[in-house]
C-alpha atoms as a PDB file:
ATOM      1  CA  MET A   1      93.250  98.974  98.105  1.00  0.00           C
ATOM      2  CA  LYS A   2      91.925 100.167 101.456  1.00  0.00           C
ATOM      3  CA  LYS A   3      95.238  99.037 103.572  1.00  0.00           C
ATOM      4  CA  LEU A   4      96.845 101.904 100.668  1.00  0.00           C
ATOM      5  CA  PHE A   5      94.454 104.511 101.945  1.00  0.00           C
ATOM      6  CA  LEU A   6      94.514 104.075 105.368  1.00  0.00           C
ATOM      7  CA  LEU A   7      98.227 104.223 105.385  1.00  0.00           C
ATOM      8  CA  PHE A   8      97.487 107.707 104.848  1.00  0.00           C
ATOM      9  CA  LEU A   9      95.288 109.037 107.523  1.00  0.00           C
ATOM     10  CA  PRO A  10      96.750 111.281 110.064  1.00  0.00           C
ATOM     11  CA  CYS A  11      97.211 111.167 114.263  1.00  0.00           C
ATOM     12  CA  LEU A  12     100.058 113.527 115.694  1.00  0.00           C
ATOM     13  CA  VAL A  13     102.147 114.590 118.400  1.00  0.00           C
ATOM     14  CA  PHE A  14     105.547 116.452 118.879  1.00  0.00           C
ATOM     15  CA  ALA A  15     107.066 117.465 122.129  1.00  0.00           C
ATOM     16  CA  ALA A  16     107.846 121.267 120.563  1.00  0.00           C
ATOM     17  CA  PRO A  17     105.847 123.378 119.048  1.00  0.00           C
ATOM     18  CA  PHE A  18     103.684 122.458 116.210  1.00  0.00           C
ATOM     19  CA  THR A  19     105.112 123.466 112.726  1.00  0.00           C
ATOM     20  CA  ALA A  20     104.323 120.290 110.371  1.00  0.00           C
ATOM     21  CA  PHE A  21     101.318 123.006 108.881  1.00  0.00           C
ATOM     22  CA  HIS A  22     100.444 126.454 108.988  1.00  0.00           C
ATOM     23  CA  ASP A  23      97.217 127.917 109.329  1.00  0.00           C
ATOM     24  CA  GLY A  24      95.107 127.564 105.975  1.00  0.00           C
ATOM     25  CA  GLU A  25      97.118 125.493 104.526  1.00  0.00           C
ATOM     26  CA  SER A  26      95.856 122.795 101.988  1.00  0.00           C
ATOM     27  CA  PHE A  27      97.239 119.949 100.254  1.00  0.00           C
ATOM     28  CA  THR A  28      95.961 117.870  97.533  1.00  0.00           C
ATOM     29  CA  TYR A  29      97.363 115.182  96.395  1.00  0.00           C
ATOM     30  CA  ARG A  30      96.600 112.792  93.007  1.00  0.00           C
ATOM     31  CA  VAL A  31      96.771 109.025  93.674  1.00  0.00           C
ATOM     32  CA  SER A  32      97.962 106.351  91.319  1.00  0.00           C
ATOM     33  CA  PHE A  33      97.747 102.728  92.115  1.00  0.00           C
ATOM     34  CA  ALA A  34      99.301 100.157  89.621  1.00  0.00           C
ATOM     35  CA  ILE A  35      97.577 100.662  86.340  1.00  0.00           C
ATOM     36  CA  PHE A  36      95.152 103.373  87.145  1.00  0.00           C
ATOM     37  CA  SER A  37      96.707 106.614  86.811  1.00  0.00           C
ATOM     38  CA  LYS A  38      93.569 108.671  88.756  1.00  0.00           C
ATOM     39  CA  ALA A  39      92.741 105.871  91.589  1.00  0.00           C
ATOM     40  CA  GLY A  40      92.047 108.308  94.108  1.00  0.00           C
ATOM     41  CA  GLU A  41      92.888 111.681  95.866  1.00  0.00           C
ATOM     42  CA  ILE A  42      93.521 112.759  99.281  1.00  0.00           C
ATOM     43  CA  THR A  43      93.059 116.376 100.699  1.00  0.00           C
ATOM     44  CA  ILE A  44      95.180 117.360 103.790  1.00  0.00           C
ATOM     45  CA  THR A  45      93.939 120.920 105.401  1.00  0.00           C
ATOM     46  CA  ALA A  46      94.838 122.862 108.285  1.00  0.00           C
ATOM     47  CA  HIS A  47      93.342 125.243 110.752  1.00  0.00           C
ATOM     48  CA  ASP A  48      94.058 127.051 114.047  1.00  0.00           C
ATOM     49  CA  GLN A  49      91.253 126.887 116.267  1.00  0.00           C
ATOM     50  CA  LYS A  50      90.615 127.768 120.126  1.00  0.00           C
ATOM     51  CA  GLN A  51      89.713 124.325 122.206  1.00  0.00           C
ATOM     52  CA  ASP A  52      89.169 124.370 126.070  1.00  0.00           C
ATOM     53  CA  GLY A  53      91.012 127.675 126.068  1.00  0.00           C
ATOM     54  CA  ILE A  54      94.489 126.830 124.227  1.00  0.00           C
ATOM     55  CA  ASP A  55      95.632 127.196 120.918  1.00  0.00           C
ATOM     56  CA  VAL A  56      95.139 124.429 118.834  1.00  0.00           C
ATOM     57  CA  MET A  57      95.344 123.227 115.260  1.00  0.00           C
ATOM     58  CA  ARG A  58      92.789 120.456 113.534  1.00  0.00           C
ATOM     59  CA  VAL A  59      94.405 118.560 110.446  1.00  0.00           C
ATOM     60  CA  THR A  60      91.788 116.978 108.488  1.00  0.00           C
ATOM     61  CA  THR A  61      92.669 114.233 105.689  1.00  0.00           C
ATOM     62  CA  ASP A  62      89.959 113.585 103.334  1.00  0.00           C
ATOM     63  CA  THR A  63      90.778 110.327 100.971  1.00  0.00           C
ATOM     64  CA  GLN A  64      88.049 109.299  98.334  1.00  0.00           C
ATOM     65  CA  SER A  65      88.858 106.942  95.256  1.00  0.00           C
ATOM     66  CA  ARG A  66      88.119 108.214  92.206  1.00  0.00           C
ATOM     67  CA  GLY A  67      87.665 107.032  88.308  1.00  0.00           C
ATOM     68  CA  ILE A  68      87.417 103.294  87.432  1.00  0.00           C
ATOM     69  CA  VAL A  69      88.874 102.338  90.747  1.00  0.00           C
ATOM     70  CA  ARG A  70      85.766 103.914  92.389  1.00  0.00           C
ATOM     71  CA  SER A  71      83.441 102.012  90.560  1.00  0.00           C
ATOM     72  CA  LEU A  72      85.264  99.301  91.754  1.00  0.00           C
ATOM     73  CA  TYR A  73      86.154 100.039  95.128  1.00  0.00           C
ATOM     74  CA  ALA A  74      83.910 103.312  96.615  1.00  0.00           C
ATOM     75  CA  PHE A  75      86.053 104.547  99.153  1.00  0.00           C
ATOM     76  CA  ASP A  76      85.667 107.489 101.773  1.00  0.00           C
ATOM     77  CA  ASN A  77      87.297 108.223 104.752  1.00  0.00           C
ATOM     78  CA  LYS A  78      87.960 111.660 107.012  1.00  0.00           C
ATOM     79  CA  ALA A  79      90.333 111.666 109.545  1.00  0.00           C
ATOM     80  CA  GLU A  80      90.592 114.861 112.165  1.00  0.00           C
ATOM     81  CA  VAL A  81      93.422 115.446 114.263  1.00  0.00           C
ATOM     82  CA  VAL A  82      93.807 118.351 117.207  1.00  0.00           C
ATOM     83  CA  ILE A  83      97.385 119.226 118.193  1.00  0.00           C
ATOM     84  CA  ASP A  84      98.370 121.483 121.146  1.00  0.00           C
ATOM     85  CA  LYS A  85     100.179 123.964 119.224  1.00  0.00           C
ATOM     86  CA  SER A  86     102.566 124.854 121.791  1.00  0.00           C
ATOM     87  CA  THR A  87     103.647 121.674 122.438  1.00  0.00           C
ATOM     88  CA  GLY A  88     102.851 119.784 119.579  1.00  0.00           C
ATOM     89  CA  ARG A  89     101.113 117.218 121.407  1.00  0.00           C
ATOM     90  CA  MET A  90      98.307 115.218 119.921  1.00  0.00           C
ATOM     91  CA  LEU A  91      95.130 115.889 121.960  1.00  0.00           C
ATOM     92  CA  ASN A  92      92.585 113.360 120.160  1.00  0.00           C
ATOM     93  CA  VAL A  93      92.011 111.676 116.685  1.00  0.00           C
ATOM     94  CA  LYS A  94      88.602 110.981 114.998  1.00  0.00           C
ATOM     95  CA  GLU A  95      88.249 108.816 111.755  1.00  0.00           C
ATOM     96  CA  SER A  96      85.375 108.233 110.070  1.00  0.00           C
ATOM     97  CA  GLY A  97      84.176 106.572 106.527  1.00  0.00           C
ATOM     98  CA  ALA A  98      82.932 104.124 104.562  1.00  0.00           C
ATOM     99  CA  ASP A  99      83.929 101.024 102.060  1.00  0.00           C
ATOM    100  CA  PRO A 100      81.738  98.520 100.465  1.00  0.00           C
ATOM    101  CA  ASN A 101      82.735  96.091 103.453  1.00  0.00           C
ATOM    102  CA  ARG A 102      82.112  98.288 106.369  1.00  0.00           C
ATOM    103  CA  ALA A 103      81.989 101.388 107.975  1.00  0.00           C
ATOM    104  CA  THR A 104      84.807 103.163 110.030  1.00  0.00           C
ATOM    105  CA  ASP A 105      83.919 105.108 113.474  1.00  0.00           C
ATOM    106  CA  THR A 106      86.992 105.503 115.992  1.00  0.00           C
ATOM    107  CA  GLU A 107      88.796 107.712 118.196  1.00  0.00           C
ATOM    108  CA  ILE A 108      91.782 107.980 120.278  1.00  0.00           C
ATOM    109  CA  ALA A 109      92.635 110.543 122.917  1.00  0.00           C
ATOM    110  CA  PHE A 110      95.739 111.188 124.788  1.00  0.00           C
ATOM    111  CA  ASN A 111      96.686 111.392 128.659  1.00  0.00           C
ATOM    112  CA  TYR A 112     100.698 112.656 128.964  1.00  0.00           C
ATOM    113  CA  ILE A 113      99.689 112.401 132.507  1.00  0.00           C
ATOM    114  CA  THR A 114      98.824 109.314 132.894  1.00  0.00           C
ATOM    115  CA  ARG A 115     100.982 108.253 129.430  1.00  0.00           C
ATOM    116  CA  MET A 116      97.682 106.130 128.287  1.00  0.00           C
ATOM    117  CA  ALA A 117      95.602 106.557 125.376  1.00  0.00           C
ATOM    118  CA  THR A 118      91.924 105.486 125.205  1.00  0.00           C
ATOM    119  CA  TYR A 119      91.072 103.958 122.037  1.00  0.00           C
ATOM    120  CA  THR A 120      87.177 103.948 121.022  1.00  0.00           C
ATOM    121  CA  ASP A 121      85.880 101.587 118.181  1.00  0.00           C
ATOM    122  CA  ARG A 122      82.180 102.240 117.881  1.00  0.00           C
ATOM    123  CA  VAL A 123      81.641  99.985 114.723  1.00  0.00           C
ATOM    124  CA  ARG A 124      83.705  96.636 116.343  1.00  0.00           C
ATOM    125  CA  THR A 125      83.546  97.700 119.834  1.00  0.00           C
ATOM    126  CA  GLU A 126      85.560  94.690 120.955  1.00  0.00           C
ATOM    127  CA  ARG A 127      88.299  96.541 119.426  1.00  0.00           C
ATOM    128  CA  SER A 128      88.259  99.424 122.015  1.00  0.00           C
ATOM    129  CA  VAL A 129      90.994  99.563 124.285  1.00  0.00           C
ATOM    130  CA  GLU A 130      93.282 101.423 126.903  1.00  0.00           C
ATOM    131  CA  ILE A 131      96.840 101.483 125.515  1.00  0.00           C
ATOM    132  CA  PRO A 132      99.858 102.650 127.177  1.00  0.00           C
ATOM    133  CA  ILE A 133     101.772 105.509 125.543  1.00  0.00           C
ATOM    134  CA  PRO A 134     105.624 104.225 124.704  1.00  0.00           C
ATOM    135  CA  ASP A 135     108.510 106.778 125.879  1.00  0.00           C
ATOM    136  CA  GLY A 136     108.497 109.717 123.268  1.00  0.00           C
ATOM    137  CA  ASP A 137     105.304 111.535 121.496  1.00  0.00           C
ATOM    138  CA  PRO A 138     103.831 109.716 118.802  1.00  0.00           C
ATOM    139  CA  VAL A 139     103.190 111.461 115.503  1.00  0.00           C
ATOM    140  CA  ASP A 140     100.955 110.480 112.305  1.00  0.00           C
ATOM    141  CA  LEU A 141     102.562 109.350 109.583  1.00  0.00           C
ATOM    142  CA  ILE A 142     101.581 112.134 106.947  1.00  0.00           C
ATOM    143  CA  SER A 143     102.521 114.430 109.647  1.00  0.00           C
ATOM    144  CA  ALA A 144     105.562 113.149 110.343  1.00  0.00           C
ATOM    145  CA  LEU A 145     106.394 113.073 106.408  1.00  0.00           C
ATOM    146  CA  VAL A 146     105.363 116.542 106.204  1.00  0.00           C
ATOM    147  CA  GLN A 147     107.214 117.671 109.144  1.00  0.00           C
ATOM    148  CA  THR A 148     110.625 116.595 107.514  1.00  0.00           C
ATOM    149  CA  ARG A 149     110.271 119.621 105.332  1.00  0.00           C
ATOM    150  CA  ASP A 150     111.487 121.940 108.614  1.00  0.00           C
ATOM    151  CA  TRP A 151     114.444 119.490 109.354  1.00  0.00           C
ATOM    152  CA  LYS A 152     117.177 120.780 106.977  1.00  0.00           C
ATOM    153  CA  LEU A 153     118.558 117.344 106.668  1.00  0.00           C
ATOM    154  CA  LYS A 154     121.210 116.798 104.107  1.00  0.00           C
ATOM    155  CA  PRO A 155     121.543 113.119 102.368  1.00  0.00           C
ATOM    156  CA  GLY A 156     122.693 110.804 104.957  1.00  0.00           C
ATOM    157  CA  ASP A 157     121.111 112.539 108.092  1.00  0.00           C
ATOM    158  CA  LYS A 158     118.707 110.736 110.270  1.00  0.00           C
ATOM    159  CA  ARG A 159     115.949 111.283 112.692  1.00  0.00           C
ATOM    160  CA  ASP A 160     113.890 109.084 114.898  1.00  0.00           C
ATOM    161  CA  LEU A 161     110.358 109.429 115.156  1.00  0.00           C
ATOM    162  CA  LEU A 162     107.631 107.393 117.148  1.00  0.00           C
ATOM    163  CA  VAL A 163     104.693 106.994 114.462  1.00  0.00           C
ATOM    164  CA  GLN A 164     101.106 106.023 115.784  1.00  0.00           C
ATOM    165  CA  PHE A 165      99.223 104.066 113.382  1.00  0.00           C
ATOM    166  CA  GLY A 166      95.678 103.003 114.970  1.00  0.00           C
ATOM    167  CA  ARG A 167      96.270 100.991 118.085  1.00  0.00           C
ATOM    168  CA  ASP A 168      99.947 100.494 117.259  1.00  0.00           C
ATOM    169  CA  PHE A 169     103.249 102.632 118.105  1.00  0.00           C
ATOM    170  CA  LEU A 170     106.084 102.097 115.608  1.00  0.00           C
ATOM    171  CA  PRO A 171     109.531 103.681 116.267  1.00  0.00           C
ATOM    172  CA  LEU A 172     110.829 104.433 112.858  1.00  0.00           C
ATOM    173  CA  THR A 173     114.105 106.191 111.593  1.00  0.00           C
ATOM    174  CA  ILE A 174     113.956 108.716 108.315  1.00  0.00           C
ATOM    175  CA  THR A 175     116.828 108.932 106.243  1.00  0.00           C
ATOM    176  CA  ALA A 176     117.485 111.586 103.477  1.00  0.00           C
ATOM    177  CA  GLU A 177     118.475 109.454 101.035  1.00  0.00           C
ATOM    178  CA  GLY A 178     119.289 112.036  98.264  1.00  0.00           C
ATOM    179  CA  TYR A 179     118.180 114.433  95.856  1.00  0.00           C
ATOM    180  CA  GLU A 180     115.859 113.702  92.758  1.00  0.00           C
ATOM    181  CA  GLU A 181     114.000 115.550  90.153  1.00  0.00           C
ATOM    182  CA  VAL A 182     110.106 115.078  90.068  1.00  0.00           C
ATOM    183  CA  ARG A 183     107.364 116.004  87.454  1.00  0.00           C
ATOM    184  CA  THR A 184     104.012 116.847  88.817  1.00  0.00           C
ATOM    185  CA  PRO A 185     100.709 118.626  88.016  1.00  0.00           C
ATOM    186  CA  LEU A 186     102.008 121.451  89.550  1.00  0.00           C
ATOM    187  CA  GLY A 187     105.678 121.610  87.731  1.00  0.00           C
ATOM    188  CA  THR A 188     108.988 120.486  88.251  1.00  0.00           C
ATOM    189  CA  TYR A 189     110.806 120.494  91.388  1.00  0.00           C
ATOM    190  CA  GLN A 190     114.222 119.500  92.707  1.00  0.00           C
ATOM    191  CA  THR A 191     113.820 117.401  95.909  1.00  0.00           C
ATOM    192  CA  LEU A 192     115.357 115.505  98.759  1.00  0.00           C
ATOM    193  CA  VAL A 193     114.038 112.062  99.313  1.00  0.00           C
ATOM    194  CA  MET A 194     113.007 111.023 103.135  1.00  0.00           C
ATOM    195  CA  VAL A 195     112.703 107.225 103.475  1.00  0.00           C
ATOM    196  CA  PRO A 196     110.886 106.113 107.079  1.00  0.00           C
ATOM    197  CA  ARG A 197     112.169 102.654 108.094  1.00  0.00           C
ATOM    198  CA  MET A 198     111.340 100.424 110.993  1.00  0.00           C
ATOM    199  CA  GLU A 199     114.767  99.122 111.821  1.00  0.00           C
ATOM    200  CA  LYS A 200     114.448  97.017 114.888  1.00  0.00           C
ATOM    201  CA  ASP A 201     111.319  94.229 114.784  1.00  0.00           C
ATOM    202  CA  PRO A 202     109.483  95.710 111.864  1.00  0.00           C
ATOM    203  CA  ARG A 203     106.066  95.468 111.840  1.00  0.00           C
ATOM    204  CA  GLY A 204     103.237  95.902 109.852  1.00  0.00           C
ATOM    205  CA  VAL A 205     103.984  97.115 106.514  1.00  0.00           C
ATOM    206  CA  PHE A 206     107.404  97.528 107.103  1.00  0.00           C
ATOM    207  CA  LYS A 207     107.429  93.739 108.357  1.00  0.00           C
ATOM    208  CA  LYS A 208     106.130  92.842 104.766  1.00  0.00           C
ATOM    209  CA  GLY A 209     108.690  94.418 103.038  1.00  0.00           C
ATOM    210  CA  GLY A 210     106.985  97.640 102.114  1.00  0.00           C
ATOM    211  CA  GLU A 211     108.752 101.145 101.656  1.00  0.00           C
ATOM    212  CA  ILE A 212     107.363 104.425 102.071  1.00  0.00           C
ATOM    213  CA  LYS A 213     109.335 107.573 100.677  1.00  0.00           C
ATOM    214  CA  VAL A 214     108.064 111.562 100.470  1.00  0.00           C
ATOM    215  CA  TRP A 215     110.131 114.018  98.407  1.00  0.00           C
ATOM    216  CA  ILE A 216     110.562 117.461  99.618  1.00  0.00           C
ATOM    217  CA  SER A 217     110.938 120.557  97.074  1.00  0.00           C
ATOM    218  CA  GLN A 218     114.546 121.983  97.545  1.00  0.00           C
ATOM    219  CA  ASP A 219     113.236 125.551  97.357  1.00  0.00           C
ATOM    220  CA  ARG A 220     111.541 128.071  99.559  1.00  0.00           C
ATOM    221  CA  SER A 221     108.482 126.698  99.643  1.00  0.00           C
ATOM    222  CA  ASN A 222     109.937 123.139 100.892  1.00  0.00           C
ATOM    223  CA  LEU A 223     106.804 121.219  99.919  1.00  0.00           C
ATOM    224  CA  PRO A 224     106.139 117.947  99.920  1.00  0.00           C
ATOM    225  CA  VAL A 225     105.006 117.074  96.491  1.00  0.00           C
ATOM    226  CA  LYS A 226     105.409 113.317  96.423  1.00  0.00           C
ATOM    227  CA  MET A 227     104.581 110.319  98.218  1.00  0.00           C
ATOM    228  CA  GLN A 228     104.825 106.868  97.972  1.00  0.00           C
ATOM    229  CA  LEU A 229     103.988 103.771  99.233  1.00  0.00           C
ATOM    230  CA  LYS A 230     105.273 100.198  97.859  1.00  0.00           C
ATOM    231  CA  LEU A 231     103.904  97.042  98.716  1.00  0.00           C
ATOM    232  CA  ASN A 232     104.494  93.414  97.593  1.00  0.00           C
ATOM    233  CA  PHE A 233     100.906  93.838  95.482  1.00  0.00           C
ATOM    234  CA  GLY A 234     101.342  97.289  94.269  1.00  0.00           C
ATOM    235  CA  SER A 235     102.557 100.929  94.437  1.00  0.00           C
ATOM    236  CA  ALA A 236     100.768 103.863  95.413  1.00  0.00           C
ATOM    237  CA  THR A 237     102.055 107.317  94.171  1.00  0.00           C
ATOM    238  CA  LEU A 238     100.725 110.728  95.437  1.00  0.00           C
ATOM    239  CA  LEU A 239     101.433 113.859  93.421  1.00  0.00           C
ATOM    240  CA  LEU A 240     100.527 117.013  94.988  1.00  0.00           C
ATOM    241  CA  SER A 241      98.003 118.708  92.223  1.00  0.00           C
ATOM    242  CA  GLU A 242      96.757 121.582  94.233  1.00  0.00           C
ATOM    243  CA  TYR A 243      98.272 123.630  97.204  1.00  0.00           C
ATOM    244  CA  GLU A 244      97.028 126.949  98.761  1.00  0.00           C
ATOM    245  CA  THR A 245      99.053 128.844 101.055  1.00  0.00           C
ATOM    246  CA  PRO A 246      97.937 130.626 104.125  1.00  0.00           C
ATOM    247  CA  PRO A 247      96.285 133.815 103.468  1.00  0.00           C
ATOM    248  CA  ILE A 248      98.251 136.700 103.731  1.00  0.00           C
ATOM    249  CA  VAL A 249      97.007 139.568 106.787  1.00  0.00           C
ATOM    250  CA  SER A 250      98.059 142.957 106.027  1.00  0.00           C
ATOM    251  CA  ALA A 251      99.626 144.795 108.663  1.00  0.00           C
ATOM    252  CA  LYS A 252      97.181 147.729 110.031  1.00  0.00           C
END
């Protein structure tokens, strides 16, 4: 169960202005797993801030197990990523939390001049390491999936991304596969299904036959209304249950 939740935590970068989220947006997803319809909840929020004199966006992902699953496996995790809005480059990521087995307290900071990332694990200190950043700008899985709402893809279209997950960088290809109708707690949507795959030398969840999908609504909102992770031991589905739009600022 822990691996399911960890796959939906952020860490991110784009070499272009950052547009995946907007200031004040909040997405809450109800997580179901196997026979448990309310296994957990994931809330993603985004806020503009100033850091060292530059405009940044802080994206926070709070993940918690719920209901019967929580009585069996109490999982709480918080991840924060800070992105330079003008370049879309991730500056640093922090993750902290706990489960019945151990606590988590990690941070990764990116230096695009030296093309090195400093990964610090304060719980398992032996895992702290300097990691070369591959060519391109890495992006976290959640932000990569949400970013697809701005791509205006059609079925059959593809885009390549470098996804950062923990200490790994994974080159993925996201394919627009087709249109589907999706029912969520917020209503029924006509959506476009996006599927990221690691087409060469698959690692991690992709090596084990896992599959990840996101469903983007095809109305004016272009909301990521559903996400899904399939593994050999079960499937986790995220349905959008609450959405808060950025506040409207009236002109003076």
